[in-house]
């Protein structure tokens, strides 16, 4: 996938699901730990917003990153910052609310059904 990055800096939840399912994007969830534990996308990687600076080394530099939070506000801030740092990044519009509304899976850490709240 190197070089095949999105031209836009925001994608719908439906498009994000397609990209993640195809293995074409790395989903970064920047919500607080209690939000993550209640429910998250099955293939998401969790780095809370407040930990991102110290964990930036965990981000792939050669893959499209899609950033998600609860409704899209925090992920928009992270997307803008990562784009300025030359990471190929796009925000997931509507966040986990939109993800869940699209019918995509939301799970807890143990794989059981999760919730978005």
N, C-alpha and C. Protein backbone atom coordinates (compact mmCIF):
# COMPACT_ATOMS: atom_id res chain seq x y z
N UNK A 1 0.80 -1.20 0.00
CA UNK A 1 0.00 0.00 0.00
C UNK A 1 0.84 1.26 0.00
N UNK A 2 2.14 1.22 0.24
CA UNK A 2 2.91 2.46 0.22
C UNK A 2 2.65 3.24 -1.05
N UNK A 3 2.40 4.54 -0.87
CA UNK A 3 2.17 5.42 -2.01
C UNK A 3 0.72 5.52 -2.42
N UNK A 4 -0.13 4.60 -1.98
CA UNK A 4 -1.54 4.61 -2.39
C UNK A 4 -2.39 5.25 -1.30
N UNK A 5 -2.12 6.50 -1.03
CA UNK A 5 -2.81 7.19 0.05
C UNK A 5 -4.02 7.94 -0.45
N UNK A 6 -4.94 8.21 0.45
CA UNK A 6 -6.15 8.94 0.12
C UNK A 6 -5.82 10.39 -0.23
N UNK A 7 -6.61 10.96 -1.13
CA UNK A 7 -6.44 12.36 -1.49
C UNK A 7 -7.17 13.27 -0.51
N UNK A 8 -8.18 12.74 0.17
CA UNK A 8 -8.97 13.55 1.10
C UNK A 8 -8.48 13.37 2.53
N UNK A 9 -8.82 14.34 3.39
CA UNK A 9 -8.39 14.23 4.79
C UNK A 9 -9.54 13.84 5.70
N UNK A 10 -10.67 13.43 5.11
CA UNK A 10 -11.80 12.92 5.89
C UNK A 10 -12.53 11.88 5.06
N UNK A 11 -12.96 10.80 5.72
CA UNK A 11 -13.71 9.73 5.06
C UNK A 11 -14.94 9.40 5.88
N UNK A 12 -15.94 8.87 5.22
CA UNK A 12 -17.14 8.42 5.92
C UNK A 12 -16.81 7.14 6.68
N UNK A 13 -17.66 6.81 7.63
CA UNK A 13 -17.48 5.55 8.36
C UNK A 13 -17.56 4.36 7.41
N UNK A 14 -18.47 4.41 6.45
CA UNK A 14 -18.62 3.31 5.49
C UNK A 14 -17.32 3.12 4.70
N UNK A 15 -16.74 4.22 4.23
CA UNK A 15 -15.47 4.14 3.48
C UNK A 15 -14.35 3.65 4.39
N UNK A 16 -14.32 4.10 5.63
CA UNK A 16 -13.30 3.65 6.58
C UNK A 16 -13.39 2.14 6.79
N UNK A 17 -14.59 1.64 6.93
CA UNK A 17 -14.80 0.20 7.12
C UNK A 17 -14.27 -0.56 5.91
N UNK A 18 -14.57 -0.08 4.72
CA UNK A 18 -14.08 -0.72 3.49
C UNK A 18 -12.55 -0.77 3.48
N UNK A 19 -11.92 0.35 3.80
CA UNK A 19 -10.46 0.42 3.77
C UNK A 19 -9.82 -0.48 4.82
N UNK A 20 -10.38 -0.48 6.03
CA UNK A 20 -9.83 -1.32 7.10
C UNK A 20 -10.04 -2.80 6.75
N UNK A 21 -11.23 -3.15 6.29
CA UNK A 21 -11.51 -4.54 5.93
C UNK A 21 -10.61 -5.04 4.81
N UNK A 22 -10.24 -4.15 3.89
CA UNK A 22 -9.37 -4.52 2.77
C UNK A 22 -7.90 -4.54 3.16
N UNK A 23 -7.58 -4.13 4.39
CA UNK A 23 -6.20 -4.07 4.81
C UNK A 23 -5.45 -2.87 4.23
N UNK A 24 -6.19 -1.89 3.76
CA UNK A 24 -5.60 -0.71 3.11
C UNK A 24 -5.42 0.46 4.06
N UNK A 25 -5.82 0.31 5.32
CA UNK A 25 -5.69 1.42 6.26
C UNK A 25 -5.51 0.87 7.68
N UNK A 26 -4.87 1.69 8.49
CA UNK A 26 -4.59 1.39 9.89
C UNK A 26 -5.49 2.29 10.71
N UNK A 27 -6.40 1.72 11.49
CA UNK A 27 -7.38 2.49 12.24
C UNK A 27 -6.85 2.84 13.63
N UNK A 28 -6.76 4.13 13.90
CA UNK A 28 -6.25 4.64 15.18
C UNK A 28 -7.40 5.22 15.98
N UNK A 29 -7.68 4.64 17.13
CA UNK A 29 -8.73 5.11 18.03
C UNK A 29 -8.06 5.94 19.13
N UNK A 30 -8.42 7.23 19.21
CA UNK A 30 -7.77 8.15 20.15
C UNK A 30 -8.64 8.46 21.37
N UNK A 31 -9.69 7.66 21.60
CA UNK A 31 -10.57 7.91 22.74
C UNK A 31 -9.92 7.53 24.06
N UNK A 32 -10.55 7.96 25.13
CA UNK A 32 -10.09 7.62 26.49
C UNK A 32 -10.22 6.11 26.70
N UNK A 33 -9.46 5.59 27.64
CA UNK A 33 -9.45 4.15 27.89
C UNK A 33 -10.83 3.61 28.25
N UNK A 34 -11.60 4.32 29.07
CA UNK A 34 -12.93 3.81 29.44
C UNK A 34 -13.86 3.75 28.22
N UNK A 35 -13.69 4.65 27.27
CA UNK A 35 -14.50 4.61 26.04
C UNK A 35 -14.10 3.39 25.20
N UNK A 36 -12.80 3.18 25.07
CA UNK A 36 -12.28 2.03 24.32
C UNK A 36 -12.77 0.73 24.93
N UNK A 37 -12.70 0.61 26.25
CA UNK A 37 -13.10 -0.62 26.91
C UNK A 37 -14.58 -0.92 26.75
N UNK A 38 -15.42 0.10 26.64
CA UNK A 38 -16.86 -0.10 26.44
C UNK A 38 -17.14 -0.69 25.06
N UNK A 39 -16.36 -0.29 24.07
CA UNK A 39 -16.54 -0.82 22.73
C UNK A 39 -15.71 -0.08 21.70
N UNK A 40 -15.12 -0.84 20.77
CA UNK A 40 -14.28 -0.28 19.72
C UNK A 40 -14.37 -1.13 18.46
N UNK A 41 -13.85 -0.60 17.39
CA UNK A 41 -13.79 -1.37 16.14
C UNK A 41 -12.83 -2.54 16.34
N UNK A 42 -13.16 -3.71 15.81
CA UNK A 42 -12.34 -4.90 16.04
C UNK A 42 -10.87 -4.75 15.62
N UNK A 43 -10.59 -4.04 14.54
CA UNK A 43 -9.22 -3.93 14.04
C UNK A 43 -8.52 -2.64 14.44
N UNK A 44 -9.11 -1.90 15.36
CA UNK A 44 -8.53 -0.60 15.75
C UNK A 44 -7.31 -0.78 16.65
N UNK A 45 -6.46 0.24 16.63
CA UNK A 45 -5.30 0.35 17.50
C UNK A 45 -5.58 1.50 18.46
N UNK A 46 -5.39 1.28 19.74
CA UNK A 46 -5.77 2.28 20.73
C UNK A 46 -4.56 3.05 21.23
N UNK A 47 -4.54 4.34 20.96
CA UNK A 47 -3.57 5.26 21.56
C UNK A 47 -4.37 6.49 21.97
N UNK A 48 -4.69 6.62 23.25
CA UNK A 48 -5.48 7.78 23.69
C UNK A 48 -4.80 9.10 23.29
N UNK A 49 -5.59 10.09 23.01
CA UNK A 49 -5.09 11.40 22.58
C UNK A 49 -3.97 11.90 23.48
N UNK A 50 -4.16 11.80 24.79
CA UNK A 50 -3.17 12.34 25.72
C UNK A 50 -1.87 11.55 25.73
N UNK A 51 -1.83 10.35 25.14
CA UNK A 51 -0.62 9.54 25.07
C UNK A 51 0.06 9.60 23.71
N UNK A 52 -0.58 10.23 22.75
CA UNK A 52 -0.11 10.15 21.37
C UNK A 52 1.31 10.69 21.18
N UNK A 53 1.62 11.81 21.79
CA UNK A 53 2.95 12.38 21.60
C UNK A 53 4.04 11.40 22.01
N UNK A 54 3.86 10.72 23.12
CA UNK A 54 4.86 9.77 23.60
C UNK A 54 4.83 8.43 22.90
N UNK A 55 3.79 8.17 22.14
CA UNK A 55 3.66 6.88 21.46
C UNK A 55 3.63 7.02 19.94
N UNK A 56 4.00 8.17 19.45
CA UNK A 56 3.96 8.42 18.00
C UNK A 56 4.80 7.40 17.23
N UNK A 57 5.84 6.88 17.86
CA UNK A 57 6.70 5.88 17.21
C UNK A 57 5.94 4.60 16.86
N UNK A 58 4.77 4.39 17.44
CA UNK A 58 3.97 3.19 17.15
C UNK A 58 3.16 3.33 15.86
N UNK A 59 3.08 4.52 15.32
CA UNK A 59 2.29 4.75 14.11
C UNK A 59 3.04 4.27 12.88
N UNK A 60 2.34 3.65 11.94
CA UNK A 60 3.00 3.25 10.70
C UNK A 60 3.29 4.48 9.85
N UNK A 61 4.43 4.49 9.21
CA UNK A 61 4.78 5.61 8.35
C UNK A 61 4.51 5.29 6.89
N UNK A 62 4.19 4.04 6.60
CA UNK A 62 4.01 3.62 5.22
C UNK A 62 2.61 3.07 4.94
N UNK A 63 1.65 3.48 5.75
CA UNK A 63 0.28 3.01 5.58
C UNK A 63 -0.69 4.15 5.89
N UNK A 64 -1.79 4.16 5.19
CA UNK A 64 -2.84 5.14 5.45
C UNK A 64 -3.35 4.97 6.87
N UNK A 65 -3.40 6.07 7.62
CA UNK A 65 -3.93 6.05 8.98
C UNK A 65 -5.30 6.72 8.97
N UNK A 66 -6.28 6.04 9.53
CA UNK A 66 -7.61 6.61 9.73
C UNK A 66 -7.79 6.83 11.22
N UNK A 67 -8.15 8.04 11.59
CA UNK A 67 -8.25 8.39 13.01
C UNK A 67 -9.72 8.49 13.40
N UNK A 68 -10.06 7.85 14.51
CA UNK A 68 -11.45 7.83 14.97
C UNK A 68 -11.53 8.15 16.46
N UNK A 69 -12.61 8.82 16.85
CA UNK A 69 -12.91 9.07 18.26
C UNK A 69 -14.41 8.82 18.43
N UNK A 70 -15.04 9.46 19.37
CA UNK A 70 -16.46 9.23 19.59
C UNK A 70 -17.32 9.85 18.49
N UNK A 71 -17.11 11.15 18.23
CA UNK A 71 -17.96 11.83 17.25
C UNK A 71 -17.20 12.54 16.13
N UNK A 72 -15.87 12.59 16.21
CA UNK A 72 -15.07 13.18 15.15
C UNK A 72 -14.29 14.41 15.52
N UNK A 73 -14.49 14.97 16.70
CA UNK A 73 -13.79 16.18 17.12
C UNK A 73 -12.33 15.96 17.48
N UNK A 74 -12.09 15.05 18.40
CA UNK A 74 -10.72 14.77 18.81
C UNK A 74 -9.92 14.18 17.66
N UNK A 75 -10.56 13.31 16.90
CA UNK A 75 -9.85 12.70 15.77
C UNK A 75 -9.51 13.74 14.70
N UNK A 76 -10.32 14.77 14.56
CA UNK A 76 -10.01 15.85 13.62
C UNK A 76 -8.74 16.57 14.05
N UNK A 77 -8.59 16.85 15.35
CA UNK A 77 -7.38 17.48 15.87
C UNK A 77 -6.15 16.62 15.61
N UNK A 78 -6.27 15.33 15.86
CA UNK A 78 -5.15 14.40 15.66
C UNK A 78 -4.83 14.30 14.17
N UNK A 79 -5.85 14.20 13.33
CA UNK A 79 -5.64 14.13 11.88
C UNK A 79 -4.86 15.34 11.39
N UNK A 80 -5.27 16.52 11.80
CA UNK A 80 -4.58 17.74 11.38
C UNK A 80 -3.13 17.74 11.83
N UNK A 81 -2.88 17.34 13.08
CA UNK A 81 -1.51 17.32 13.61
C UNK A 81 -0.65 16.29 12.88
N UNK A 82 -1.20 15.10 12.64
CA UNK A 82 -0.42 14.06 11.95
C UNK A 82 -0.17 14.42 10.50
N UNK A 83 -1.13 15.05 9.85
CA UNK A 83 -0.91 15.51 8.47
C UNK A 83 0.22 16.53 8.42
N UNK A 84 0.27 17.44 9.40
CA UNK A 84 1.36 18.42 9.47
C UNK A 84 2.71 17.73 9.68
N UNK A 85 2.69 16.56 10.33
CA UNK A 85 3.91 15.79 10.57
C UNK A 85 4.19 14.80 9.43
N UNK A 86 3.49 14.95 8.32
CA UNK A 86 3.68 14.15 7.11
C UNK A 86 3.26 12.69 7.21
N UNK A 87 2.34 12.38 8.11
CA UNK A 87 1.73 11.05 8.11
C UNK A 87 0.53 11.08 7.16
N UNK A 88 0.30 10.02 6.40
CA UNK A 88 -0.88 9.96 5.53
C UNK A 88 -2.12 9.65 6.39
N UNK A 89 -2.86 10.67 6.74
CA UNK A 89 -3.91 10.55 7.74
C UNK A 89 -5.23 11.13 7.25
N UNK A 90 -6.33 10.47 7.62
CA UNK A 90 -7.67 10.98 7.34
C UNK A 90 -8.55 10.76 8.57
N UNK A 91 -9.43 11.69 8.81
CA UNK A 91 -10.38 11.63 9.91
C UNK A 91 -11.59 10.79 9.51
N UNK A 92 -12.12 10.02 10.44
CA UNK A 92 -13.37 9.28 10.20
C UNK A 92 -14.52 10.18 10.67
N UNK A 93 -15.27 10.70 9.71
CA UNK A 93 -16.37 11.62 9.99
C UNK A 93 -17.43 10.94 10.84
N UNK A 94 -17.84 11.60 11.90
CA UNK A 94 -18.88 11.05 12.77
C UNK A 94 -18.40 10.08 13.80
N UNK A 95 -17.12 9.70 13.74
CA UNK A 95 -16.51 8.84 14.74
C UNK A 95 -17.19 7.50 14.95
N UNK A 96 -17.09 7.01 16.18
CA UNK A 96 -17.66 5.70 16.52
C UNK A 96 -19.18 5.71 16.46
N UNK A 97 -19.80 6.89 16.64
CA UNK A 97 -21.25 6.95 16.46
C UNK A 97 -21.61 6.55 15.03
N UNK A 98 -20.90 7.10 14.05
CA UNK A 98 -21.16 6.78 12.65
C UNK A 98 -20.75 5.34 12.33
N UNK A 99 -19.65 4.89 12.92
CA UNK A 99 -19.18 3.51 12.72
C UNK A 99 -20.28 2.54 13.13
N UNK A 100 -20.80 2.73 14.34
CA UNK A 100 -21.85 1.84 14.84
C UNK A 100 -23.13 1.96 14.02
N UNK A 101 -23.51 3.19 13.66
CA UNK A 101 -24.73 3.43 12.88
C UNK A 101 -24.66 2.76 11.50
N UNK A 102 -23.45 2.56 10.99
CA UNK A 102 -23.30 1.92 9.68
C UNK A 102 -23.50 0.41 9.76
N UNK A 103 -23.60 -0.11 10.98
CA UNK A 103 -23.79 -1.55 11.15
C UNK A 103 -22.51 -2.32 11.37
N UNK A 104 -21.39 -1.61 11.44
CA UNK A 104 -20.10 -2.29 11.65
C UNK A 104 -20.00 -2.80 13.09
N UNK A 105 -19.16 -3.79 13.27
CA UNK A 105 -18.98 -4.40 14.59
C UNK A 105 -18.35 -3.42 15.58
N UNK A 106 -18.80 -3.54 16.81
CA UNK A 106 -18.21 -2.84 17.96
C UNK A 106 -18.02 -3.91 19.02
N UNK A 107 -16.78 -4.05 19.49
CA UNK A 107 -16.46 -5.13 20.42
C UNK A 107 -15.74 -4.61 21.65
N UNK A 108 -15.76 -5.43 22.69
CA UNK A 108 -14.94 -5.19 23.89
C UNK A 108 -13.61 -5.91 23.68
N UNK A 109 -12.68 -5.72 24.59
CA UNK A 109 -11.36 -6.35 24.46
C UNK A 109 -11.42 -7.87 24.37
N UNK A 110 -12.42 -8.48 25.00
CA UNK A 110 -12.54 -9.93 24.97
C UNK A 110 -13.29 -10.44 23.73
N UNK A 111 -13.67 -9.53 22.83
CA UNK A 111 -14.36 -9.92 21.61
C UNK A 111 -15.87 -9.95 21.72
N UNK A 112 -16.39 -9.79 22.92
CA UNK A 112 -17.85 -9.77 23.08
C UNK A 112 -18.40 -8.43 22.55
N UNK A 113 -19.71 -8.38 22.27
CA UNK A 113 -20.29 -7.14 21.75
C UNK A 113 -20.07 -5.97 22.69
N UNK A 114 -19.70 -4.82 22.11
CA UNK A 114 -19.47 -3.63 22.87
C UNK A 114 -20.51 -2.56 22.58
N UNK A 115 -20.37 -1.43 23.24
CA UNK A 115 -21.29 -0.32 23.04
C UNK A 115 -20.49 0.97 22.81
N UNK A 116 -21.15 1.91 22.19
CA UNK A 116 -20.57 3.23 21.98
C UNK A 116 -21.43 4.21 22.75
N UNK A 117 -20.79 4.92 23.67
CA UNK A 117 -21.55 5.89 24.46
C UNK A 117 -20.65 7.04 24.86
